[in-house]
Amino acid sequence: MAKEQFSVLDEGVVIEGTMSCKGKLLINGMVKGKLSGEMIIIGQKGAAHAEIEASKITVGGKFEGKIKASEEFVILSTGNCEGEFVCKNIVIESGGILNGTVTSTLQREQPLGKSNSKASKL
């Protein structure tokens, strides 16, 4: 069985630039720039001013920028997010803050003969 990779950017660590990771990345420090990976978690003490692309993204600290989550975007009760967000599924815990635009990539099949167009409802 393969060992899951887990990386931590701890308090006091500041990274600027482009970063790519495998497995889980926990950010308790500060990141500025561009991040990509499988699962990115911004901890309660963490902050990011970035463009992030990952399968799953969880924010418990402060985030400003753009997020693209191919599977799930979660804002914890301690999370504060501002910017542009593209995701398949979104979860916002009570107390979590989201300011910005959200675009869902979730596609649902329409039953035959049904249409979402306003013209068909007239």
PDB file of N, CA and C in Angstrom:
ATOM      1  N   MET A   1       0.839  -1.175   0.000  1.00  0.00           N
ATOM      2  CA  MET A   1       0.000   0.000   0.000  1.00  0.00           C
ATOM      3  C   MET A   1       0.888   1.245   0.000  1.00  0.00           C
ATOM      4  N   ALA A   2       0.585   2.185  -0.882  1.00  0.00           N
ATOM      5  CA  ALA A   2       1.383   3.403  -0.991  1.00  0.00           C
ATOM      6  C   ALA A   2       1.101   4.336   0.178  1.00  0.00           C
ATOM      7  N   LYS A   3       2.140   4.970   0.648  1.00  0.00           N
ATOM      8  CA  LYS A   3       2.021   5.904   1.757  1.00  0.00           C
ATOM      9  C   LYS A   3       1.509   7.243   1.232  1.00  0.00           C
ATOM     10  N   GLU A   4       0.505   7.812   1.902  1.00  0.00           N
ATOM     11  CA  GLU A   4      -0.056   9.098   1.491  1.00  0.00           C
ATOM     12  C   GLU A   4       0.927  10.211   1.827  1.00  0.00           C
ATOM     13  N   GLN A   5       1.127  11.114   0.889  1.00  0.00           N
ATOM     14  CA  GLN A   5       2.035  12.238   1.111  1.00  0.00           C
ATOM     15  C   GLN A   5       1.292  13.355   1.836  1.00  0.00           C
ATOM     16  N   PHE A   6       1.990  13.976   2.792  1.00  0.00           N
ATOM     17  CA  PHE A   6       1.407  15.048   3.593  1.00  0.00           C
ATOM     18  C   PHE A   6       2.486  16.093   3.839  1.00  0.00           C
ATOM     19  N   SER A   7       2.235  17.323   3.402  1.00  0.00           N
ATOM     20  CA  SER A   7       3.204  18.413   3.573  1.00  0.00           C
ATOM     21  C   SER A   7       2.588  19.515   4.415  1.00  0.00           C
ATOM     22  N   VAL A   8       3.432  20.203   5.201  1.00  0.00           N
ATOM     23  CA  VAL A   8       2.956  21.280   6.073  1.00  0.00           C
ATOM     24  C   VAL A   8       3.821  22.521   5.868  1.00  0.00           C
ATOM     25  N   LEU A   9       3.156  23.647   5.673  1.00  0.00           N
ATOM     26  CA  LEU A   9       3.821  24.953   5.706  1.00  0.00           C
ATOM     27  C   LEU A   9       3.379  25.568   7.028  1.00  0.00           C
ATOM     28  N   ASP A  10       4.265  25.543   8.009  1.00  0.00           N
ATOM     29  CA  ASP A  10       3.896  25.912   9.373  1.00  0.00           C
ATOM     30  C   ASP A  10       3.881  27.425   9.592  1.00  0.00           C
ATOM     31  N   GLU A  11       3.400  27.821  10.773  1.00  0.00           N
ATOM     32  CA  GLU A  11       3.369  29.237  11.150  1.00  0.00           C
ATOM     33  C   GLU A  11       4.747  29.848  10.967  1.00  0.00           C
ATOM     34  N   GLY A  12       4.776  31.073  10.456  1.00  0.00           N
ATOM     35  CA  GLY A  12       6.041  31.765  10.248  1.00  0.00           C
ATOM     36  C   GLY A  12       6.640  31.523   8.876  1.00  0.00           C
ATOM     37  N   VAL A  13       6.181  30.503   8.165  1.00  0.00           N
ATOM     38  CA  VAL A  13       6.676  30.224   6.816  1.00  0.00           C
ATOM     39  C   VAL A  13       5.910  31.095   5.822  1.00  0.00           C
ATOM     40  N   VAL A  14       6.660  31.810   4.978  1.00  0.00           N
ATOM     41  CA  VAL A  14       6.062  32.635   3.929  1.00  0.00           C
ATOM     42  C   VAL A  14       6.634  32.164   2.598  1.00  0.00           C
ATOM     43  N   ILE A  15       5.747  31.826   1.673  1.00  0.00           N
ATOM     44  CA  ILE A  15       6.180  31.351   0.358  1.00  0.00           C
ATOM     45  C   ILE A  15       5.566  32.257  -0.696  1.00  0.00           C
ATOM     46  N   GLU A  16       6.395  32.696  -1.649  1.00  0.00           N
ATOM     47  CA  GLU A  16       5.916  33.471  -2.785  1.00  0.00           C
ATOM     48  C   GLU A  16       6.365  32.767  -4.050  1.00  0.00           C
ATOM     49  N   GLY A  17       5.442  32.656  -5.025  1.00  0.00           N
ATOM     50  CA  GLY A  17       5.806  32.025  -6.286  1.00  0.00           C
ATOM     51  C   GLY A  17       4.816  30.950  -6.682  1.00  0.00           C
ATOM     52  N   THR A  18       5.305  29.969  -7.438  1.00  0.00           N
ATOM     53  CA  THR A  18       4.479  28.867  -7.938  1.00  0.00           C
ATOM     54  C   THR A  18       4.873  27.590  -7.216  1.00  0.00           C
ATOM     55  N   MET A  19       3.856  26.841  -6.775  1.00  0.00           N
ATOM     56  CA  MET A  19       4.113  25.622  -6.020  1.00  0.00           C
ATOM     57  C   MET A  19       3.144  24.532  -6.458  1.00  0.00           C
ATOM     58  N   SER A  20       3.642  23.316  -6.593  1.00  0.00           N
ATOM     59  CA  SER A  20       2.826  22.166  -6.947  1.00  0.00           C
ATOM     60  C   SER A  20       3.119  21.060  -5.939  1.00  0.00           C
ATOM     61  N   CYS A  21       2.082  20.336  -5.521  1.00  0.00           N
ATOM     62  CA  CYS A  21       2.299  19.278  -4.536  1.00  0.00           C
ATOM     63  C   CYS A  21       1.428  18.070  -4.825  1.00  0.00           C
ATOM     64  N   LYS A  22       1.859  16.924  -4.299  1.00  0.00           N
ATOM     65  CA  LYS A  22       1.071  15.695  -4.360  1.00  0.00           C
ATOM     66  C   LYS A  22       0.552  15.417  -2.962  1.00  0.00           C
ATOM     67  N   GLY A  23      -0.560  14.714  -2.881  1.00  0.00           N
ATOM     68  CA  GLY A  23      -1.127  14.388  -1.581  1.00  0.00           C
ATOM     69  C   GLY A  23      -1.779  15.607  -0.941  1.00  0.00           C
ATOM     70  N   LYS A  24      -1.682  15.690   0.386  1.00  0.00           N
ATOM     71  CA  LYS A  24      -2.295  16.788   1.140  1.00  0.00           C
ATOM     72  C   LYS A  24      -1.253  17.853   1.465  1.00  0.00           C
ATOM     73  N   LEU A  25      -1.680  19.111   1.381  1.00  0.00           N
ATOM     74  CA  LEU A  25      -0.846  20.240   1.781  1.00  0.00           C
ATOM     75  C   LEU A  25      -1.618  21.051   2.803  1.00  0.00           C
ATOM     76  N   LEU A  26      -1.042  21.213   4.008  1.00  0.00           N
ATOM     77  CA  LEU A  26      -1.646  22.025   5.061  1.00  0.00           C
ATOM     78  C   LEU A  26      -0.858  23.319   5.163  1.00  0.00           C
ATOM     79  N   ILE A  27      -1.578  24.437   5.047  1.00  0.00           N
ATOM     80  CA  ILE A  27      -0.944  25.751   5.115  1.00  0.00           C
ATOM     81  C   ILE A  27      -1.343  26.421   6.423  1.00  0.00           C
ATOM     82  N   ASN A  28      -0.365  26.605   7.311  1.00  0.00           N
ATOM     83  CA  ASN A  28      -0.575  27.374   8.533  1.00  0.00           C
ATOM     84  C   ASN A  28       0.238  28.663   8.491  1.00  0.00           C
ATOM     85  N   GLY A  29       0.999  28.841   7.429  1.00  0.00           N
ATOM     86  CA  GLY A  29       1.789  30.045   7.219  1.00  0.00           C
ATOM     87  C   GLY A  29       1.094  30.945   6.213  1.00  0.00           C
ATOM     88  N   MET A  30       1.891  31.573   5.338  1.00  0.00           N
ATOM     89  CA  MET A  30       1.363  32.513   4.348  1.00  0.00           C
ATOM     90  C   MET A  30       1.864  32.118   2.964  1.00  0.00           C
ATOM     91  N   VAL A  31       0.949  32.070   1.997  1.00  0.00           N
ATOM     92  CA  VAL A  31       1.301  31.750   0.618  1.00  0.00           C
ATOM     93  C   VAL A  31       0.805  32.851  -0.299  1.00  0.00           C
ATOM     94  N   LYS A  32       1.697  33.305  -1.185  1.00  0.00           N
ATOM     95  CA  LYS A  32       1.337  34.294  -2.204  1.00  0.00           C
ATOM     96  C   LYS A  32       1.792  33.739  -3.547  1.00  0.00           C
ATOM     97  N   GLY A  33       0.873  33.638  -4.494  1.00  0.00           N
ATOM     98  CA  GLY A  33       1.263  33.139  -5.807  1.00  0.00           C
ATOM     99  C   GLY A  33       0.276  32.155  -6.380  1.00  0.00           C
ATOM    100  N   LYS A  34       0.815  31.051  -6.901  1.00  0.00           N
ATOM    101  CA  LYS A  34       0.015  30.053  -7.602  1.00  0.00           C
ATOM    102  C   LYS A  34       0.288  28.676  -7.001  1.00  0.00           C
ATOM    103  N   LEU A  35      -0.789  27.964  -6.637  1.00  0.00           N
ATOM    104  CA  LEU A  35      -0.678  26.628  -6.036  1.00  0.00           C
ATOM    105  C   LEU A  35      -1.499  25.627  -6.826  1.00  0.00           C
ATOM    106  N   SER A  36      -0.974  24.417  -6.959  1.00  0.00           N
ATOM    107  CA  SER A  36      -1.768  23.338  -7.539  1.00  0.00           C
ATOM    108  C   SER A  36      -1.452  22.057  -6.778  1.00  0.00           C
ATOM    109  N   GLY A  37      -2.450  21.185  -6.693  1.00  0.00           N
ATOM    110  CA  GLY A  37      -2.250  19.940  -5.975  1.00  0.00           C
ATOM    111  C   GLY A  37      -3.510  19.105  -5.917  1.00  0.00           C
ATOM    112  N   GLU A  38      -3.454  18.073  -5.094  1.00  0.00           N
ATOM    113  CA  GLU A  38      -4.597  17.176  -4.941  1.00  0.00           C
ATOM    114  C   GLU A  38      -5.566  17.694  -3.879  1.00  0.00           C
ATOM    115  N   MET A  39      -5.050  17.927  -2.662  1.00  0.00           N
ATOM    116  CA  MET A  39      -5.877  18.424  -1.554  1.00  0.00           C
ATOM    117  C   MET A  39      -5.105  19.516  -0.829  1.00  0.00           C
ATOM    118  N   ILE A  40      -5.669  20.707  -0.813  1.00  0.00           N
ATOM    119  CA  ILE A  40      -5.009  21.848  -0.172  1.00  0.00           C
ATOM    120  C   ILE A  40      -5.903  22.349   0.955  1.00  0.00           C
ATOM    121  N   ILE A  41      -5.302  22.482   2.132  1.00  0.00           N
ATOM    122  CA  ILE A  41      -6.025  22.927   3.328  1.00  0.00           C
ATOM    123  C   ILE A  41      -5.344  24.182   3.866  1.00  0.00           C
ATOM    124  N   ILE A  42      -6.103  25.247   3.979  1.00  0.00           N
ATOM    125  CA  ILE A  42      -5.592  26.457   4.626  1.00  0.00           C
ATOM    126  C   ILE A  42      -6.109  26.403   6.056  1.00  0.00           C
ATOM    127  N   GLY A  43      -5.187  26.177   6.992  1.00  0.00           N
ATOM    128  CA  GLY A  43      -5.556  26.036   8.400  1.00  0.00           C
ATOM    129  C   GLY A  43      -6.050  27.341   9.004  1.00  0.00           C
ATOM    130  N   GLN A  44      -6.575  27.254  10.207  1.00  0.00           N
ATOM    131  CA  GLN A  44      -7.139  28.405  10.910  1.00  0.00           C
ATOM    132  C   GLN A  44      -6.126  29.543  11.036  1.00  0.00           C
ATOM    133  N   LYS A  45      -4.841  29.223  11.183  1.00  0.00           N
ATOM    134  CA  LYS A  45      -3.800  30.243  11.321  1.00  0.00           C
ATOM    135  C   LYS A  45      -3.156  30.581   9.981  1.00  0.00           C
ATOM    136  N   GLY A  46      -3.610  29.929   8.906  1.00  0.00           N
ATOM    137  CA  GLY A  46      -3.017  30.122   7.589  1.00  0.00           C
ATOM    138  C   GLY A  46      -3.690  31.224   6.780  1.00  0.00           C
ATOM    139  N   ALA A  47      -2.968  31.678   5.762  1.00  0.00           N
ATOM    140  CA  ALA A  47      -3.496  32.705   4.861  1.00  0.00           C
ATOM    141  C   ALA A  47      -2.909  32.489   3.475  1.00  0.00           C
ATOM    142  N   ALA A  48      -3.691  32.845   2.463  1.00  0.00           N
ATOM    143  CA  ALA A  48      -3.206  32.737   1.087  1.00  0.00           C
ATOM    144  C   ALA A  48      -3.806  33.854   0.257  1.00  0.00           C
ATOM    145  N   HIS A  49      -2.955  34.497  -0.505  1.00  0.00           N
ATOM    146  CA  HIS A  49      -3.361  35.457  -1.524  1.00  0.00           C
ATOM    147  C   HIS A  49      -2.871  34.814  -2.809  1.00  0.00           C
ATOM    148  N   ALA A  50      -3.754  34.015  -3.426  1.00  0.00           N
ATOM    149  CA  ALA A  50      -3.246  33.115  -4.455  1.00  0.00           C
ATOM    150  C   ALA A  50      -4.296  32.709  -5.471  1.00  0.00           C
ATOM    151  N   GLU A  51      -3.792  31.975  -6.442  1.00  0.00           N
ATOM    152  CA  GLU A  51      -4.611  31.269  -7.414  1.00  0.00           C
ATOM    153  C   GLU A  51      -4.370  29.795  -7.117  1.00  0.00           C
ATOM    154  N   ILE A  52      -5.433  29.081  -6.706  1.00  0.00           N
ATOM    155  CA  ILE A  52      -5.286  27.684  -6.290  1.00  0.00           C
ATOM    156  C   ILE A  52      -6.141  26.784  -7.181  1.00  0.00           C
ATOM    157  N   GLU A  53      -5.530  25.676  -7.622  1.00  0.00           N
ATOM    158  CA  GLU A  53      -6.252  24.669  -8.393  1.00  0.00           C
ATOM    159  C   GLU A  53      -5.954  23.305  -7.787  1.00  0.00           C
ATOM    160  N   ALA A  54      -7.026  22.606  -7.351  1.00  0.00           N
ATOM    161  CA  ALA A  54      -6.870  21.296  -6.729  1.00  0.00           C
ATOM    162  C   ALA A  54      -8.186  20.542  -6.791  1.00  0.00           C
ATOM    163  N   SER A  55      -8.146  19.251  -6.494  1.00  0.00           N
ATOM    164  CA  SER A  55      -9.374  18.456  -6.442  1.00  0.00           C
ATOM    165  C   SER A  55     -10.244  18.902  -5.272  1.00  0.00           C
ATOM    166  N   LYS A  56      -9.611  19.002  -4.101  1.00  0.00           N
ATOM    167  CA  LYS A  56     -10.330  19.397  -2.889  1.00  0.00           C
ATOM    168  C   LYS A  56      -9.586  20.534  -2.206  1.00  0.00           C
ATOM    169  N   ILE A  57     -10.341  21.554  -1.830  1.00  0.00           N
ATOM    170  CA  ILE A  57      -9.756  22.720  -1.160  1.00  0.00           C
ATOM    171  C   ILE A  57     -10.603  23.032   0.070  1.00  0.00           C
ATOM    172  N   THR A  58      -9.934  23.180   1.217  1.00  0.00           N
ATOM    173  CA  THR A  58     -10.613  23.528   2.464  1.00  0.00           C
ATOM    174  C   THR A  58      -9.963  24.778   3.028  1.00  0.00           C
ATOM    175  N   VAL A  59     -10.800  25.746   3.431  1.00  0.00           N
ATOM    176  CA  VAL A  59     -10.280  26.998   3.990  1.00  0.00           C
ATOM    177  C   VAL A  59     -10.808  27.179   5.408  1.00  0.00           C
ATOM    178  N   GLY A  60      -9.859  27.232   6.361  1.00  0.00           N
ATOM    179  CA  GLY A  60     -10.193  27.497   7.757  1.00  0.00           C
ATOM    180  C   GLY A  60      -9.593  28.812   8.218  1.00  0.00           C
ATOM    181  N   GLY A  61      -8.758  29.403   7.366  1.00  0.00           N
ATOM    182  CA  GLY A  61      -8.113  30.688   7.659  1.00  0.00           C
ATOM    183  C   GLY A  61      -8.592  31.755   6.700  1.00  0.00           C
ATOM    184  N   LYS A  62      -7.648  32.537   6.178  1.00  0.00           N
ATOM    185  CA  LYS A  62      -7.999  33.651   5.284  1.00  0.00           C
ATOM    186  C   LYS A  62      -7.518  33.342   3.871  1.00  0.00           C
ATOM    187  N   PHE A  63      -8.412  33.560   2.898  1.00  0.00           N
ATOM    188  CA  PHE A  63      -8.057  33.368   1.495  1.00  0.00           C
ATOM    189  C   PHE A  63      -8.553  34.544   0.669  1.00  0.00           C
ATOM    190  N   GLU A  64      -7.688  34.988  -0.258  1.00  0.00           N
ATOM    191  CA  GLU A  64      -8.077  36.014  -1.216  1.00  0.00           C
ATOM    192  C   GLU A  64      -7.480  35.635  -2.563  1.00  0.00           C
ATOM    193  N   GLY A  65      -8.314  35.600  -3.603  1.00  0.00           N
ATOM    194  CA  GLY A  65      -7.823  35.268  -4.935  1.00  0.00           C
ATOM    195  C   GLY A  65      -8.806  34.437  -5.722  1.00  0.00           C
ATOM    196  N   LYS A  66      -8.270  33.426  -6.435  1.00  0.00           N
ATOM    197  CA  LYS A  66      -9.090  32.563  -7.285  1.00  0.00           C
ATOM    198  C   LYS A  66      -8.896  31.108  -6.875  1.00  0.00           C
ATOM    199  N   ILE A  67     -10.000  30.381  -6.813  1.00  0.00           N
ATOM    200  CA  ILE A  67      -9.967  28.959  -6.491  1.00  0.00           C
ATOM    201  C   ILE A  67     -10.694  28.185  -7.581  1.00  0.00           C
ATOM    202  N   LYS A  68     -10.078  27.077  -7.987  1.00  0.00           N
ATOM    203  CA  LYS A  68     -10.735  26.130  -8.893  1.00  0.00           C
ATOM    204  C   LYS A  68     -10.602  24.758  -8.262  1.00  0.00           C
ATOM    205  N   ALA A  69     -11.732  24.249  -7.753  1.00  0.00           N
ATOM    206  CA  ALA A  69     -11.764  22.941  -7.099  1.00  0.00           C
ATOM    207  C   ALA A  69     -12.556  21.975  -7.970  1.00  0.00           C
ATOM    208  N   SER A  70     -11.892  20.977  -8.529  1.00  0.00           N
ATOM    209  CA  SER A  70     -12.571  20.055  -9.440  1.00  0.00           C
ATOM    210  C   SER A  70     -13.579  19.155  -8.736  1.00  0.00           C
ATOM    211  N   GLU A  71     -13.424  18.961  -7.430  1.00  0.00           N
ATOM    212  CA  GLU A  71     -14.364  18.123  -6.679  1.00  0.00           C
ATOM    213  C   GLU A  71     -15.120  18.912  -5.603  1.00  0.00           C
ATOM    214  N   GLU A  72     -14.392  19.428  -4.603  1.00  0.00           N
ATOM    215  CA  GLU A  72     -15.072  20.024  -3.454  1.00  0.00           C
ATOM    216  C   GLU A  72     -14.316  21.232  -2.912  1.00  0.00           C
ATOM    217  N   PHE A  73     -15.088  22.266  -2.560  1.00  0.00           N
ATOM    218  CA  PHE A  73     -14.561  23.472  -1.933  1.00  0.00           C
ATOM    219  C   PHE A  73     -15.304  23.640  -0.616  1.00  0.00           C
ATOM    220  N   VAL A  74     -14.557  23.648   0.504  1.00  0.00           N
ATOM    221  CA  VAL A  74     -15.158  23.737   1.833  1.00  0.00           C
ATOM    222  C   VAL A  74     -14.633  24.973   2.550  1.00  0.00           C
ATOM    223  N   ILE A  75     -15.557  25.740   3.127  1.00  0.00           N
ATOM    224  CA  ILE A  75     -15.183  26.867   3.983  1.00  0.00           C
ATOM    225  C   ILE A  75     -15.623  26.503   5.396  1.00  0.00           C
ATOM    226  N   LEU A  76     -14.639  26.370   6.280  1.00  0.00           N
ATOM    227  CA  LEU A  76     -14.932  26.024   7.672  1.00  0.00           C
ATOM    228  C   LEU A  76     -15.507  27.233   8.407  1.00  0.00           C
ATOM    229  N   SER A  77     -16.011  27.022   9.606  1.00  0.00           N
ATOM    230  CA  SER A  77     -16.625  28.099  10.389  1.00  0.00           C
ATOM    231  C   SER A  77     -15.655  29.239  10.672  1.00  0.00           C
ATOM    232  N   THR A  78     -14.357  28.955  10.637  1.00  0.00           N
ATOM    233  CA  THR A  78     -13.325  29.964  10.894  1.00  0.00           C
ATOM    234  C   THR A  78     -12.779  30.573   9.595  1.00  0.00           C
ATOM    235  N   GLY A  79     -13.275  30.096   8.458  1.00  0.00           N
ATOM    236  CA  GLY A  79     -12.754  30.528   7.162  1.00  0.00           C
ATOM    237  C   GLY A  79     -13.319  31.853   6.692  1.00  0.00           C
ATOM    238  N   ASN A  80     -12.470  32.605   5.975  1.00  0.00           N
ATOM    239  CA  ASN A  80     -12.854  33.893   5.400  1.00  0.00           C
ATOM    240  C   ASN A  80     -12.306  33.931   3.975  1.00  0.00           C
ATOM    241  N   CYS A  81     -13.189  33.893   2.982  1.00  0.00           N
ATOM    242  CA  CYS A  81     -12.784  33.816   1.579  1.00  0.00           C
ATOM    243  C   CYS A  81     -13.318  34.979   0.767  1.00  0.00           C
ATOM    244  N   GLU A  82     -12.449  35.505  -0.090  1.00  0.00           N
ATOM    245  CA  GLU A  82     -12.836  36.611  -0.957  1.00  0.00           C
ATOM    246  C   GLU A  82     -12.225  36.381  -2.327  1.00  0.00           C
ATOM    247  N   GLY A  83     -13.056  36.457  -3.390  1.00  0.00           N
ATOM    248  CA  GLY A  83     -12.521  36.308  -4.732  1.00  0.00           C
ATOM    249  C   GLY A  83     -13.450  35.611  -5.694  1.00  0.00           C
ATOM    250  N   GLU A  84     -12.844  34.814  -6.593  1.00  0.00           N
ATOM    251  CA  GLU A  84     -13.580  34.064  -7.612  1.00  0.00           C
ATOM    252  C   GLU A  84     -13.413  32.583  -7.338  1.00  0.00           C
ATOM    253  N   PHE A  85     -14.537  31.858  -7.384  1.00  0.00           N
ATOM    254  CA  PHE A  85     -14.521  30.447  -7.021  1.00  0.00           C
ATOM    255  C   PHE A  85     -15.246  29.609  -8.063  1.00  0.00           C
ATOM    256  N   VAL A  86     -14.573  28.584  -8.556  1.00  0.00           N
ATOM    257  CA  VAL A  86     -15.167  27.639  -9.502  1.00  0.00           C
ATOM    258  C   VAL A  86     -15.033  26.266  -8.859  1.00  0.00           C
ATOM    259  N   CYS A  87     -16.170  25.575  -8.675  1.00  0.00           N
ATOM    260  CA  CYS A  87     -16.120  24.286  -7.998  1.00  0.00           C
ATOM    261  C   CYS A  87     -17.297  23.417  -8.408  1.00  0.00           C
ATOM    262  N   LYS A  88     -17.148  22.121  -8.168  1.00  0.00           N
ATOM    263  CA  LYS A  88     -18.237  21.177  -8.434  1.00  0.00           C
ATOM    264  C   LYS A  88     -19.216  21.199  -7.266  1.00  0.00           C
ATOM    265  N   ASN A  89     -18.702  21.077  -6.059  1.00  0.00           N
ATOM    266  CA  ASN A  89     -19.519  21.089  -4.837  1.00  0.00           C
ATOM    267  C   ASN A  89     -18.942  22.110  -3.871  1.00  0.00           C
ATOM    268  N   ILE A  90     -19.824  22.792  -3.147  1.00  0.00           N
ATOM    269  CA  ILE A  90     -19.368  23.772  -2.159  1.00  0.00           C
ATOM    270  C   ILE A  90     -20.082  23.520  -0.831  1.00  0.00           C
ATOM    271  N   VAL A  91     -19.319  23.629   0.261  1.00  0.00           N
ATOM    272  CA  VAL A  91     -19.854  23.487   1.614  1.00  0.00           C
ATOM    273  C   VAL A  91     -19.370  24.692   2.408  1.00  0.00           C
ATOM    274  N   ILE A  92     -20.311  25.393   3.041  1.00  0.00           N
ATOM    275  CA  ILE A  92     -19.946  26.531   3.890  1.00  0.00           C
ATOM    276  C   ILE A  92     -20.530  26.273   5.281  1.00  0.00           C
ATOM    277  N   GLU A  93     -19.642  26.065   6.242  1.00  0.00           N
ATOM    278  CA  GLU A  93     -20.099  25.853   7.608  1.00  0.00           C
ATOM    279  C   GLU A  93     -20.656  27.149   8.171  1.00  0.00           C
ATOM    280  N   SER A  94     -21.554  27.038   9.142  1.00  0.00           N
ATOM    281  CA  SER A  94     -22.105  28.201   9.814  1.00  0.00           C
ATOM    282  C   SER A  94     -20.975  29.046  10.390  1.00  0.00           C
ATOM    283  N   GLY A  95     -20.948  30.318  10.065  1.00  0.00           N
ATOM    284  CA  GLY A  95     -19.889  31.210  10.526  1.00  0.00           C
ATOM    285  C   GLY A  95     -18.824  31.441   9.476  1.00  0.00           C
ATOM    286  N   GLY A  96     -18.757  30.573   8.469  1.00  0.00           N
ATOM    287  CA  GLY A  96     -17.806  30.751   7.379  1.00  0.00           C
ATOM    288  C   GLY A  96     -18.208  31.945   6.524  1.00  0.00           C
ATOM    289  N   ILE A  97     -17.223  32.674   6.013  1.00  0.00           N
ATOM    290  CA  ILE A  97     -17.491  33.889   5.237  1.00  0.00           C
ATOM    291  C   ILE A  97     -17.055  33.693   3.794  1.00  0.00           C
ATOM    292  N   LEU A  98     -17.949  34.039   2.859  1.00  0.00           N
ATOM    293  CA  LEU A  98     -17.662  33.971   1.433  1.00  0.00           C
ATOM    294  C   LEU A  98     -18.142  35.251   0.776  1.00  0.00           C
ATOM    295  N   ASN A  99     -17.209  35.987   0.195  1.00  0.00           N
ATOM    296  CA  ASN A  99     -17.525  37.194  -0.562  1.00  0.00           C
ATOM    297  C   ASN A  99     -16.891  37.048  -1.934  1.00  0.00           C
ATOM    298  N   GLY A 100     -17.705  37.077  -2.978  1.00  0.00           N
ATOM    299  CA  GLY A 100     -17.165  36.944  -4.321  1.00  0.00           C
ATOM    300  C   GLY A 100     -18.150  36.267  -5.245  1.00  0.00           C
ATOM    301  N   THR A 101     -17.629  35.715  -6.338  1.00  0.00           N
ATOM    302  CA  THR A 101     -18.471  35.033  -7.309  1.00  0.00           C
ATOM    303  C   THR A 101     -18.190  33.545  -7.265  1.00  0.00           C
ATOM    304  N   VAL A 102     -19.253  32.762  -7.395  1.00  0.00           N
ATOM    305  CA  VAL A 102     -19.134  31.308  -7.383  1.00  0.00           C
ATOM    306  C   VAL A 102     -19.761  30.763  -8.658  1.00  0.00           C
ATOM    307  N   THR A 103     -19.024  29.887  -9.337  1.00  0.00           N
ATOM    308  CA  THR A 103     -19.529  29.205 -10.524  1.00  0.00           C
ATOM    309  C   THR A 103     -19.483  27.713 -10.259  1.00  0.00           C
ATOM    310  N   SER A 104     -20.624  27.048 -10.437  1.00  0.00           N
ATOM    311  CA  SER A 104     -20.698  25.605 -10.218  1.00  0.00           C
ATOM    312  C   SER A 104     -20.431  24.865 -11.519  1.00  0.00           C
ATOM    313  N   THR A 105     -19.617  23.814 -11.435  1.00  0.00           N
ATOM    314  CA  THR A 105     -19.353  22.967 -12.595  1.00  0.00           C
ATOM    315  C   THR A 105     -20.183  21.694 -12.545  1.00  0.00           C
ATOM    316  N   LEU A 106     -21.048  21.578 -11.531  1.00  0.00           N
ATOM    317  CA  LEU A 106     -21.885  20.389 -11.370  1.00  0.00           C
ATOM    318  C   LEU A 106     -22.898  20.339 -12.502  1.00  0.00           C
ATOM    319  N   GLN A 107     -22.958  19.213 -13.178  1.00  0.00           N
ATOM    320  CA  GLN A 107     -23.900  19.032 -14.288  1.00  0.00           C
ATOM    321  C   GLN A 107     -24.938  17.987 -13.890  1.00  0.00           C
ATOM    322  N   ARG A 108     -26.191  18.333 -14.052  1.00  0.00           N
ATOM    323  CA  ARG A 108     -27.273  17.390 -13.784  1.00  0.00           C
ATOM    324  C   ARG A 108     -27.964  17.078 -15.105  1.00  0.00           C
ATOM    325  N   GLU A 109     -28.301  15.823 -15.289  1.00  0.00           N
ATOM    326  CA  GLU A 109     -29.028  15.446 -16.500  1.00  0.00           C
ATOM    327  C   GLU A 109     -30.471  15.889 -16.366  1.00  0.00           C
ATOM    328  N   GLN A 110     -31.005  16.440 -17.451  1.00  0.00           N
ATOM    329  CA  GLN A 110     -32.406  16.853 -17.490  1.00  0.00           C
ATOM    330  C   GLN A 110     -33.256  15.690 -17.998  1.00  0.00           C
ATOM    331  N   PRO A 111     -34.427  15.460 -17.404  1.00  0.00           N
ATOM    332  CA  PRO A 111     -35.316  14.415 -17.921  1.00  0.00           C
ATOM    333  C   PRO A 111     -35.708  14.746 -19.361  1.00  0.00           C
ATOM    334  N   LEU A 112     -35.932  13.710 -20.178  1.00  0.00           N
ATOM    335  CA  LEU A 112     -36.332  13.930 -21.565  1.00  0.00           C
ATOM    336  C   LEU A 112     -37.586  14.787 -21.626  1.00  0.00           C
ATOM    337  N   GLY A 113     -37.599  15.702 -22.575  1.00  0.00           N
ATOM    338  CA  GLY A 113     -38.764  16.568 -22.749  1.00  0.00           C
ATOM    339  C   GLY A 113     -38.761  17.782 -21.842  1.00  0.00           C
ATOM    340  N   LYS A 114     -37.827  17.882 -20.912  1.00  0.00           N
ATOM    341  CA  LYS A 114     -37.734  19.030 -20.007  1.00  0.00           C
ATOM    342  C   LYS A 114     -36.641  19.959 -20.494  1.00  0.00           C
ATOM    343  N   SER A 115     -36.819  21.244 -20.255  1.00  0.00           N
ATOM    344  CA  SER A 115     -35.832  22.229 -20.662  1.00  0.00           C
ATOM    345  C   SER A 115     -35.717  23.290 -19.586  1.00  0.00           C
ATOM    346  N   ASN A 116     -34.520  23.839 -19.435  1.00  0.00           N
ATOM    347  CA  ASN A 116     -34.308  24.908 -18.463  1.00  0.00           C
ATOM    348  C   ASN A 116     -34.613  26.276 -19.046  1.00  0.00           C
ATOM    349  N   SER A 117     -34.872  26.358 -20.337  1.00  0.00           N
ATOM    350  CA  SER A 117     -35.060  27.674 -20.967  1.00  0.00           C
ATOM    351  C   SER A 117     -36.349  28.310 -20.484  1.00  0.00           C
ATOM    352  N   LYS A 118     -36.327  29.633 -20.337  1.00  0.00           N
ATOM    353  CA  LYS A 118     -37.502  30.377 -19.890  1.00  0.00           C
ATOM    354  C   LYS A 118     -38.607  30.315 -20.944  1.00  0.00           C
ATOM    355  N   ALA A 119     -38.234  30.215 -22.225  1.00  0.00           N
ATOM    356  CA  ALA A 119     -39.227  30.178 -23.300  1.00  0.00           C
ATOM    357  C   ALA A 119     -40.148  28.981 -23.157  1.00  0.00           C
ATOM    358  N   SER A 120     -39.643  27.852 -22.685  1.00  0.00           N
ATOM    359  CA  SER A 120     -40.481  26.653 -22.567  1.00  0.00           C
ATOM    360  C   SER A 120     -41.442  26.756 -21.391  1.00  0.00           C
ATOM    361  N   LYS A 121     -41.218  27.700 -20.476  1.00  0.00           N
ATOM    362  CA  LYS A 121     -42.086  27.859 -19.313  1.00  0.00           C
ATOM    363  C   LYS A 121     -43.201  28.863 -19.554  1.00  0.00           C
ATOM    364  N   LEU A 122     -43.166  29.561 -20.681  1.00  0.00           N
ATOM    365  CA  LEU A 122     -44.180  30.576 -20.974  1.00  0.00           C
ATOM    366  C   LEU A 122     -45.486  29.997 -21.451  1.00  0.00           C
TER     367      LEU A 122
END
